[in-house]
Amino acid sequence: RSSIDSSVLLNNVRREVDRLNRLHVELLEKSGVEI
């Protein structure tokens, strides 16, 4: 048996986007760029 729950996928995608947003902020700071 299998079923599709798009809400789980969408929520996990948003969580990963949040992580990448934080990562890009950190990379700018490490590069010495003022945000």
PDB file of all heavy atoms in Angstrom:
ATOM      1  N   ARG A   1       0.844  -1.207   0.000  1.00  0.00           N
ATOM      2  CA  ARG A   1       0.000   0.000   0.000  1.00  0.00           C
ATOM      3  C   ARG A   1       0.870   1.244   0.000  1.00  0.00           C
ATOM      4  O   ARG A   1       1.911   1.288   0.648  1.00  0.00           O
ATOM      5  CB  ARG A   1      -0.909   0.008   1.232  1.00  0.00           C
ATOM      6  CG  ARG A   1      -1.802   1.235   1.364  1.00  0.00           C
ATOM      7  CD  ARG A   1      -2.612   1.177   2.651  1.00  0.00           C
ATOM      8  NE  ARG A   1      -3.363   2.400   2.861  1.00  0.00           N
ATOM      9  CZ  ARG A   1      -2.855   3.493   3.446  1.00  0.00           C
ATOM     10  NH1 ARG A   1      -1.600   3.475   3.872  1.00  0.00           N
ATOM     11  NH2 ARG A   1      -3.593   4.578   3.608  1.00  0.00           N
ATOM     12  N   SER A   2       0.440   2.243  -0.739  1.00  0.00           N
ATOM     13  CA  SER A   2       1.126   3.538  -0.694  1.00  0.00           C
ATOM     14  C   SER A   2       0.110   4.646  -0.941  1.00  0.00           C
ATOM     15  O   SER A   2      -0.939   4.420  -1.547  1.00  0.00           O
ATOM     16  CB  SER A   2       2.232   3.621  -1.754  1.00  0.00           C
ATOM     17  OG  SER A   2       1.683   3.604  -3.051  1.00  0.00           O
ATOM     18  N   SER A   3       0.410   5.818  -0.443  1.00  0.00           N
ATOM     19  CA  SER A   3      -0.458   6.982  -0.665  1.00  0.00           C
ATOM     20  C   SER A   3       0.412   8.220  -0.750  1.00  0.00           C
ATOM     21  O   SER A   3       1.553   8.232  -0.296  1.00  0.00           O
ATOM     22  CB  SER A   3      -1.483   7.124   0.464  1.00  0.00           C
ATOM     23  OG  SER A   3      -0.833   7.340   1.707  1.00  0.00           O
ATOM     24  N   ILE A   4      -0.127   9.264  -1.351  1.00  0.00           N
ATOM     25  CA  ILE A   4       0.602  10.518  -1.538  1.00  0.00           C
ATOM     26  C   ILE A   4       0.025  11.576  -0.607  1.00  0.00           C
ATOM     27  O   ILE A   4      -1.188  11.816  -0.610  1.00  0.00           O
ATOM     28  CB  ILE A   4       0.513  10.991  -3.003  1.00  0.00           C
ATOM     29  CG1 ILE A   4       1.172   9.972  -3.934  1.00  0.00           C
ATOM     30  CG2 ILE A   4       1.166  12.358  -3.170  1.00  0.00           C
ATOM     31  CD1 ILE A   4       0.974  10.265  -5.409  1.00  0.00           C
ATOM     32  N   ASP A   5       0.881  12.189   0.184  1.00  0.00           N
ATOM     33  CA  ASP A   5       0.478  13.305   1.042  1.00  0.00           C
ATOM     34  C   ASP A   5       1.364  14.492   0.677  1.00  0.00           C
ATOM     35  O   ASP A   5       2.483  14.635   1.177  1.00  0.00           O
ATOM     36  CB  ASP A   5       0.637  12.939   2.514  1.00  0.00           C
ATOM     37  CG  ASP A   5       0.065  14.003   3.450  1.00  0.00           C
ATOM     38  OD1 ASP A   5      -0.173  15.133   2.973  1.00  0.00           O
ATOM     39  OD2 ASP A   5      -0.128  13.703   4.647  1.00  0.00           O
ATOM     40  N   SER A   6       0.874  15.333  -0.217  1.00  0.00           N
ATOM     41  CA  SER A   6       1.672  16.460  -0.705  1.00  0.00           C
ATOM     42  C   SER A   6       2.005  17.453   0.393  1.00  0.00           C
ATOM     43  O   SER A   6       3.010  18.173   0.303  1.00  0.00           O
ATOM     44  CB  SER A   6       0.931  17.179  -1.836  1.00  0.00           C
ATOM     45  OG  SER A   6       0.767  16.333  -2.944  1.00  0.00           O
ATOM     46  N   SER A   7       1.171  17.496   1.447  1.00  0.00           N
ATOM     47  CA  SER A   7       1.432  18.451   2.525  1.00  0.00           C
ATOM     48  C   SER A   7       2.760  18.155   3.217  1.00  0.00           C
ATOM     49  O   SER A   7       3.475  19.065   3.627  1.00  0.00           O
ATOM     50  CB  SER A   7       0.280  18.445   3.537  1.00  0.00           C
ATOM     51  OG  SER A   7       0.203  17.188   4.206  1.00  0.00           O
ATOM     52  N   VAL A   8       3.096  16.866   3.345  1.00  0.00           N
ATOM     53  CA  VAL A   8       4.371  16.486   3.962  1.00  0.00           C
ATOM     54  C   VAL A   8       5.532  16.935   3.089  1.00  0.00           C
ATOM     55  O   VAL A   8       6.521  17.504   3.567  1.00  0.00           O
ATOM     56  CB  VAL A   8       4.424  14.965   4.195  1.00  0.00           C
ATOM     57  CG1 VAL A   8       5.803  14.553   4.713  1.00  0.00           C
ATOM     58  CG2 VAL A   8       3.339  14.532   5.176  1.00  0.00           C
ATOM     59  N   LEU A   9       5.428  16.678   1.792  1.00  0.00           N
ATOM     60  CA  LEU A   9       6.470  17.083   0.855  1.00  0.00           C
ATOM     61  C   LEU A   9       6.657  18.593   0.881  1.00  0.00           C
ATOM     62  O   LEU A   9       7.793  19.095   0.981  1.00  0.00           O
ATOM     63  CB  LEU A   9       6.108  16.615  -0.556  1.00  0.00           C
ATOM     64  CG  LEU A   9       7.002  17.108  -1.697  1.00  0.00           C
ATOM     65  CD1 LEU A   9       8.446  16.667  -1.513  1.00  0.00           C
ATOM     66  CD2 LEU A   9       6.460  16.624  -3.045  1.00  0.00           C
ATOM     67  N   LEU A  10       5.568  19.344   0.789  1.00  0.00           N
ATOM     68  CA  LEU A  10       5.662  20.800   0.757  1.00  0.00           C
ATOM     69  C   LEU A  10       6.276  21.343   2.041  1.00  0.00           C
ATOM     70  O   LEU A  10       7.101  22.268   2.006  1.00  0.00           O
ATOM     71  CB  LEU A  10       4.275  21.405   0.522  1.00  0.00           C
ATOM     72  CG  LEU A  10       3.730  21.239  -0.904  1.00  0.00           C
ATOM     73  CD1 LEU A  10       2.226  21.456  -0.922  1.00  0.00           C
ATOM     74  CD2 LEU A  10       4.421  22.201  -1.854  1.00  0.00           C
ATOM     75  N   ASN A  11       5.900  20.777   3.184  1.00  0.00           N
ATOM     76  CA  ASN A  11       6.447  21.235   4.461  1.00  0.00           C
ATOM     77  C   ASN A  11       7.942  20.951   4.547  1.00  0.00           C
ATOM     78  O   ASN A  11       8.725  21.793   5.013  1.00  0.00           O
ATOM     79  CB  ASN A  11       5.712  20.552   5.603  1.00  0.00           C
ATOM     80  CG  ASN A  11       6.084  21.136   6.957  1.00  0.00           C
ATOM     81  OD1 ASN A  11       5.941  22.333   7.185  1.00  0.00           O
ATOM     82  ND2 ASN A  11       6.565  20.291   7.846  1.00  0.00           N
ATOM     83  N   ASN A  12       8.358  19.770   4.081  1.00  0.00           N
ATOM     84  CA  ASN A  12       9.781  19.424   4.106  1.00  0.00           C
ATOM     85  C   ASN A  12      10.590  20.288   3.145  1.00  0.00           C
ATOM     86  O   ASN A  12      11.747  20.637   3.439  1.00  0.00           O
ATOM     87  CB  ASN A  12       9.966  17.949   3.774  1.00  0.00           C
ATOM     88  CG  ASN A  12       9.505  17.038   4.895  1.00  0.00           C
ATOM     89  OD1 ASN A  12       9.390  17.464   6.039  1.00  0.00           O
ATOM     90  ND2 ASN A  12       9.219  15.787   4.562  1.00  0.00           N
ATOM     91  N   VAL A  13      10.006  20.629   2.022  1.00  0.00           N
ATOM     92  CA  VAL A  13      10.683  21.521   1.074  1.00  0.00           C
ATOM     93  C   VAL A  13      10.904  22.891   1.703  1.00  0.00           C
ATOM     94  O   VAL A  13      11.981  23.477   1.604  1.00  0.00           O
ATOM     95  CB  VAL A  13       9.869  21.644  -0.234  1.00  0.00           C
ATOM     96  CG1 VAL A  13      10.401  22.788  -1.101  1.00  0.00           C
ATOM     97  CG2 VAL A  13       9.922  20.334  -1.017  1.00  0.00           C
ATOM     98  N   ARG A  14       9.880  23.409   2.375  1.00  0.00           N
ATOM     99  CA  ARG A  14      10.018  24.714   3.022  1.00  0.00           C
ATOM    100  C   ARG A  14      11.088  24.672   4.123  1.00  0.00           C
ATOM    101  O   ARG A  14      11.842  25.635   4.303  1.00  0.00           O
ATOM    102  CB  ARG A  14       8.669  25.165   3.595  1.00  0.00           C
ATOM    103  CG  ARG A  14       7.683  25.638   2.526  1.00  0.00           C
ATOM    104  CD  ARG A  14       6.468  26.288   3.150  1.00  0.00           C
ATOM    105  NE  ARG A  14       5.588  25.330   3.763  1.00  0.00           N
ATOM    106  CZ  ARG A  14       4.562  24.722   3.151  1.00  0.00           C
ATOM    107  NH1 ARG A  14       4.327  24.986   1.866  1.00  0.00           N
ATOM    108  NH2 ARG A  14       3.792  23.866   3.783  1.00  0.00           N
ATOM    109  N   ARG A  15      11.164  23.563   4.827  1.00  0.00           N
ATOM    110  CA  ARG A  15      12.186  23.419   5.869  1.00  0.00           C
ATOM    111  C   ARG A  15      13.589  23.464   5.250  1.00  0.00           C
ATOM    112  O   ARG A  15      14.500  24.092   5.788  1.00  0.00           O
ATOM    113  CB  ARG A  15      11.981  22.116   6.630  1.00  0.00           C
ATOM    114  CG  ARG A  15      12.941  21.957   7.813  1.00  0.00           C
ATOM    115  CD  ARG A  15      12.750  20.641   8.540  1.00  0.00           C
ATOM    116  NE  ARG A  15      11.426  20.526   9.124  1.00  0.00           N
ATOM    117  CZ  ARG A  15      10.508  19.640   8.744  1.00  0.00           C
ATOM    118  NH1 ARG A  15      10.785  18.776   7.784  1.00  0.00           N
ATOM    119  NH2 ARG A  15       9.339  19.594   9.328  1.00  0.00           N
ATOM    120  N   GLU A  16      13.760  22.801   4.110  1.00  0.00           N
ATOM    121  CA  GLU A  16      15.058  22.818   3.445  1.00  0.00           C
ATOM    122  C   GLU A  16      15.390  24.209   2.914  1.00  0.00           C
ATOM    123  O   GLU A  16      16.546  24.652   2.983  1.00  0.00           O
ATOM    124  CB  GLU A  16      15.068  21.793   2.304  1.00  0.00           C
ATOM    125  CG  GLU A  16      16.325  21.799   1.453  1.00  0.00           C
ATOM    126  CD  GLU A  16      17.587  21.417   2.203  1.00  0.00           C
ATOM    127  OE1 GLU A  16      17.505  21.020   3.395  1.00  0.00           O
ATOM    128  OE2 GLU A  16      18.684  21.517   1.612  1.00  0.00           O
ATOM    129  N   VAL A  17      14.401  24.917   2.407  1.00  0.00           N
ATOM    130  CA  VAL A  17      14.615  26.291   1.938  1.00  0.00           C
ATOM    131  C   VAL A  17      15.059  27.183   3.090  1.00  0.00           C
ATOM    132  O   VAL A  17      15.957  28.025   2.938  1.00  0.00           O
ATOM    133  CB  VAL A  17      13.335  26.839   1.272  1.00  0.00           C
ATOM    134  CG1 VAL A  17      13.417  28.352   1.089  1.00  0.00           C
ATOM    135  CG2 VAL A  17      13.099  26.153  -0.074  1.00  0.00           C
ATOM    136  N   ASP A  18      14.456  27.009   4.261  1.00  0.00           N
ATOM    137  CA  ASP A  18      14.868  27.778   5.442  1.00  0.00           C
ATOM    138  C   ASP A  18      16.337  27.511   5.778  1.00  0.00           C
ATOM    139  O   ASP A  18      17.091  28.429   6.116  1.00  0.00           O
ATOM    140  CB  ASP A  18      13.992  27.420   6.644  1.00  0.00           C
ATOM    141  CG  ASP A  18      12.556  27.913   6.501  1.00  0.00           C
ATOM    142  OD1 ASP A  18      12.319  28.795   5.647  1.00  0.00           O
ATOM    143  OD2 ASP A  18      11.682  27.391   7.214  1.00  0.00           O
ATOM    144  N   ARG A  19      16.733  26.251   5.667  1.00  0.00           N
ATOM    145  CA  ARG A  19      18.128  25.904   5.953  1.00  0.00           C
ATOM    146  C   ARG A  19      19.076  26.575   4.964  1.00  0.00           C
ATOM    147  O   ARG A  19      20.120  27.128   5.345  1.00  0.00           O
ATOM    148  CB  ARG A  19      18.311  24.384   5.895  1.00  0.00           C
ATOM    149  CG  ARG A  19      19.721  23.914   6.290  1.00  0.00           C
ATOM    150  CD  ARG A  19      19.921  22.445   6.002  1.00  0.00           C
ATOM    151  NE  ARG A  19      20.032  22.170   4.579  1.00  0.00           N
ATOM    152  CZ  ARG A  19      21.143  22.312   3.864  1.00  0.00           C
ATOM    153  NH1 ARG A  19      22.263  22.734   4.444  1.00  0.00           N
ATOM    154  NH2 ARG A  19      21.157  22.027   2.577  1.00  0.00           N
ATOM    155  N   LEU A  20      18.703  26.554   3.694  1.00  0.00           N
ATOM    156  CA  LEU A  20      19.551  27.161   2.667  1.00  0.00           C
ATOM    157  C   LEU A  20      19.616  28.678   2.829  1.00  0.00           C
ATOM    158  O   LEU A  20      20.669  29.278   2.595  1.00  0.00           O
ATOM    159  CB  LEU A  20      19.023  26.799   1.280  1.00  0.00           C
ATOM    160  CG  LEU A  20      19.154  25.318   0.897  1.00  0.00           C
ATOM    161  CD1 LEU A  20      18.440  25.051  -0.411  1.00  0.00           C
ATOM    162  CD2 LEU A  20      20.621  24.912   0.809  1.00  0.00           C
ATOM    163  N   ASN A  21      18.519  29.280   3.232  1.00  0.00           N
ATOM    164  CA  ASN A  21      18.516  30.719   3.500  1.00  0.00           C
ATOM    165  C   ASN A  21      19.525  31.063   4.595  1.00  0.00           C
ATOM    166  O   ASN A  21      20.342  31.990   4.447  1.00  0.00           O
ATOM    167  CB  ASN A  21      17.104  31.161   3.908  1.00  0.00           C
ATOM    168  CG  ASN A  21      17.058  32.544   4.517  1.00  0.00           C
ATOM    169  OD1 ASN A  21      16.693  32.707   5.685  1.00  0.00           O
ATOM    170  ND2 ASN A  21      17.439  33.546   3.759  1.00  0.00           N
ATOM    171  N   ARG A  22      19.518  30.297   5.676  1.00  0.00           N
ATOM    172  CA  ARG A  22      20.476  30.534   6.766  1.00  0.00           C
ATOM    173  C   ARG A  22      21.910  30.297   6.286  1.00  0.00           C
ATOM    174  O   ARG A  22      22.832  31.044   6.640  1.00  0.00           O
ATOM    175  CB  ARG A  22      20.154  29.625   7.958  1.00  0.00           C
ATOM    176  CG  ARG A  22      18.841  29.937   8.651  1.00  0.00           C
ATOM    177  CD  ARG A  22      18.719  29.184   9.967  1.00  0.00           C
ATOM    178  NE  ARG A  22      18.707  27.740   9.782  1.00  0.00           N
ATOM    179  CZ  ARG A  22      17.605  27.015   9.577  1.00  0.00           C
ATOM    180  NH1 ARG A  22      16.420  27.608   9.515  1.00  0.00           N
ATOM    181  NH2 ARG A  22      17.678  25.703   9.435  1.00  0.00           N
ATOM    182  N   LEU A  23      22.097  29.264   5.466  1.00  0.00           N
ATOM    183  CA  LEU A  23      23.429  28.949   4.960  1.00  0.00           C
ATOM    184  C   LEU A  23      23.983  30.093   4.116  1.00  0.00           C
ATOM    185  O   LEU A  23      25.163  30.470   4.255  1.00  0.00           O
ATOM    186  CB  LEU A  23      23.371  27.669   4.122  1.00  0.00           C
ATOM    187  CG  LEU A  23      24.679  27.240   3.444  1.00  0.00           C
ATOM    188  CD1 LEU A  23      25.740  26.938   4.489  1.00  0.00           C
ATOM    189  CD2 LEU A  23      24.441  26.035   2.546  1.00  0.00           C
ATOM    190  N   HIS A  24      23.160  30.678   3.250  1.00  0.00           N
ATOM    191  CA  HIS A  24      23.629  31.774   2.412  1.00  0.00           C
ATOM    192  C   HIS A  24      23.967  33.013   3.240  1.00  0.00           C
ATOM    193  O   HIS A  24      24.912  33.743   2.912  1.00  0.00           O
ATOM    194  CB  HIS A  24      22.584  32.111   1.345  1.00  0.00           C
ATOM    195  CG  HIS A  24      22.605  31.167   0.179  1.00  0.00           C
ATOM    196  ND1 HIS A  24      23.617  31.171  -0.752  1.00  0.00           N
ATOM    197  CD2 HIS A  24      21.746  30.199  -0.203  1.00  0.00           C
ATOM    198  CE1 HIS A  24      23.381  30.240  -1.660  1.00  0.00           C
ATOM    199  NE2 HIS A  24      22.257  29.633  -1.355  1.00  0.00           N
ATOM    200  N   VAL A  25      23.211  33.252   4.286  1.00  0.00           N
ATOM    201  CA  VAL A  25      23.543  34.360   5.194  1.00  0.00           C
ATOM    202  C   VAL A  25      24.909  34.114   5.826  1.00  0.00           C
ATOM    203  O   VAL A  25      25.765  35.007   5.882  1.00  0.00           O
ATOM    204  CB  VAL A  25      22.455  34.523   6.276  1.00  0.00           C
ATOM    205  CG1 VAL A  25      22.921  35.510   7.350  1.00  0.00           C
ATOM    206  CG2 VAL A  25      21.145  34.991   5.656  1.00  0.00           C
ATOM    207  N   GLU A  26      25.132  32.886   6.302  1.00  0.00           N
ATOM    208  CA  GLU A  26      26.413  32.548   6.929  1.00  0.00           C
ATOM    209  C   GLU A  26      27.574  32.679   5.945  1.00  0.00           C
ATOM    210  O   GLU A  26      28.653  33.178   6.300  1.00  0.00           O
ATOM    211  CB  GLU A  26      26.352  31.114   7.466  1.00  0.00           C
ATOM    212  CG  GLU A  26      25.421  30.940   8.654  1.00  0.00           C
ATOM    213  CD  GLU A  26      25.204  29.476   9.005  1.00  0.00           C
ATOM    214  OE1 GLU A  26      25.857  28.606   8.372  1.00  0.00           O
ATOM    215  OE2 GLU A  26      24.372  29.194   9.895  1.00  0.00           O
ATOM    216  N   LEU A  27      27.374  32.266   4.699  1.00  0.00           N
ATOM    217  CA  LEU A  27      28.440  32.356   3.698  1.00  0.00           C
ATOM    218  C   LEU A  27      28.793  33.803   3.378  1.00  0.00           C
ATOM    219  O   LEU A  27      29.973  34.135   3.177  1.00  0.00           O
ATOM    220  CB  LEU A  27      28.011  31.626   2.422  1.00  0.00           C
ATOM    221  CG  LEU A  27      27.933  30.098   2.524  1.00  0.00           C
ATOM    222  CD1 LEU A  27      27.336  29.510   1.265  1.00  0.00           C
ATOM    223  CD2 LEU A  27      29.312  29.500   2.792  1.00  0.00           C
ATOM    224  N   LEU A  28      27.788  34.680   3.358  1.00  0.00           N
ATOM    225  CA  LEU A  28      28.072  36.095   3.150  1.00  0.00           C
ATOM    226  C   LEU A  28      28.881  36.651   4.314  1.00  0.00           C
ATOM    227  O   LEU A  28      29.854  37.391   4.116  1.00  0.00           O
ATOM    228  CB  LEU A  28      26.766  36.883   3.003  1.00  0.00           C
ATOM    229  CG  LEU A  28      26.022  36.772   1.679  1.00  0.00           C
ATOM    230  CD1 LEU A  28      24.706  37.537   1.755  1.00  0.00           C
ATOM    231  CD2 LEU A  28      26.859  37.306   0.514  1.00  0.00           C
ATOM    232  N   GLU A  29      28.480  36.303   5.515  1.00  0.00           N
ATOM    233  CA  GLU A  29      29.188  36.808   6.693  1.00  0.00           C
ATOM    234  C   GLU A  29      30.635  36.317   6.714  1.00  0.00           C
ATOM    235  O   GLU A  29      31.559  37.081   7.016  1.00  0.00           O
ATOM    236  CB  GLU A  29      28.440  36.381   7.957  1.00  0.00           C
ATOM    237  CG  GLU A  29      27.088  37.082   8.109  1.00  0.00           C
ATOM    238  CD  GLU A  29      26.263  36.522   9.256  1.00  0.00           C
ATOM    239  OE1 GLU A  29      26.590  35.401   9.742  1.00  0.00           O
ATOM    240  OE2 GLU A  29      25.274  37.171   9.657  1.00  0.00           O
ATOM    241  N   LYS A  30      30.846  35.032   6.371  1.00  0.00           N
ATOM    242  CA  LYS A  30      32.205  34.489   6.329  1.00  0.00           C
ATOM    243  C   LYS A  30      33.047  35.152   5.244  1.00  0.00           C
ATOM    244  O   LYS A  30      34.275  35.272   5.382  1.00  0.00           O
ATOM    245  CB  LYS A  30      32.158  32.983   6.097  1.00  0.00           C
ATOM    246  CG  LYS A  30      31.668  32.181   7.289  1.00  0.00           C
ATOM    247  CD  LYS A  30      31.636  30.692   6.975  1.00  0.00           C
ATOM    248  CE  LYS A  30      31.130  29.895   8.174  1.00  0.00           C
ATOM    249  NZ  LYS A  30      31.037  28.440   7.851  1.00  0.00           N
ATOM    250  N   SER A  31      32.388  35.604   4.181  1.00  0.00           N
ATOM    251  CA  SER A  31      33.102  36.269   3.084  1.00  0.00           C
ATOM    252  C   SER A  31      33.438  37.714   3.402  1.00  0.00           C
ATOM    253  O   SER A  31      34.171  38.367   2.647  1.00  0.00           O
ATOM    254  CB  SER A  31      32.259  36.213   1.807  1.00  0.00           C
ATOM    255  OG  SER A  31      32.002  34.890   1.406  1.00  0.00           O
ATOM    256  N   GLY A  32      32.876  38.219   4.503  1.00  0.00           N
ATOM    257  CA  GLY A  32      33.119  39.612   4.865  1.00  0.00           C
ATOM    258  C   GLY A  32      32.176  40.592   4.211  1.00  0.00           C
ATOM    259  O   GLY A  32      32.416  41.807   4.238  1.00  0.00           O
ATOM    260  N   VAL A  33      31.098  40.099   3.628  1.00  0.00           N
ATOM    261  CA  VAL A  33      30.106  40.971   2.999  1.00  0.00           C
ATOM    262  C   VAL A  33      29.123  41.451   4.059  1.00  0.00           C
ATOM    263  O   VAL A  33      28.577  40.648   4.830  1.00  0.00           O
ATOM    264  CB  VAL A  33      29.350  40.227   1.876  1.00  0.00           C
ATOM    265  CG1 VAL A  33      28.251  41.115   1.287  1.00  0.00           C
ATOM    266  CG2 VAL A  33      30.314  39.779   0.789  1.00  0.00           C
ATOM    267  N   GLU A  34      28.886  42.749   4.094  1.00  0.00           N
ATOM    268  CA  GLU A  34      27.924  43.302   5.049  1.00  0.00           C
ATOM    269  C   GLU A  34      26.518  43.186   4.474  1.00  0.00           C
ATOM    270  O   GLU A  34      26.251  43.624   3.349  1.00  0.00           O
ATOM    271  CB  GLU A  34      28.239  44.762   5.352  1.00  0.00           C
ATOM    272  CG  GLU A  34      27.304  45.359   6.398  1.00  0.00           C
ATOM    273  CD  GLU A  34      27.719  46.746   6.858  1.00  0.00           C
ATOM    274  OE1 GLU A  34      28.929  47.076   6.754  1.00  0.00           O
ATOM    275  OE2 GLU A  34      26.852  47.506   7.326  1.00  0.00           O
ATOM    276  N   ILE A  35      25.611  42.589   5.254  1.00  0.00           N
ATOM    277  CA  ILE A  35      24.223  42.433   4.827  1.00  0.00           C
ATOM    278  C   ILE A  35      23.403  43.575   5.416  1.00  0.00           C
ATOM    279  O   ILE A  35      23.385  43.786   6.631  1.00  0.00           O
ATOM    280  CB  ILE A  35      23.644  41.084   5.293  1.00  0.00           C
ATOM    281  CG1 ILE A  35      24.522  39.917   4.811  1.00  0.00           C
ATOM    282  CG2 ILE A  35      22.215  40.908   4.792  1.00  0.00           C
ATOM    283  CD1 ILE A  35      24.146  38.591   5.438  1.00  0.00           C
TER     284      ILE A  35
END
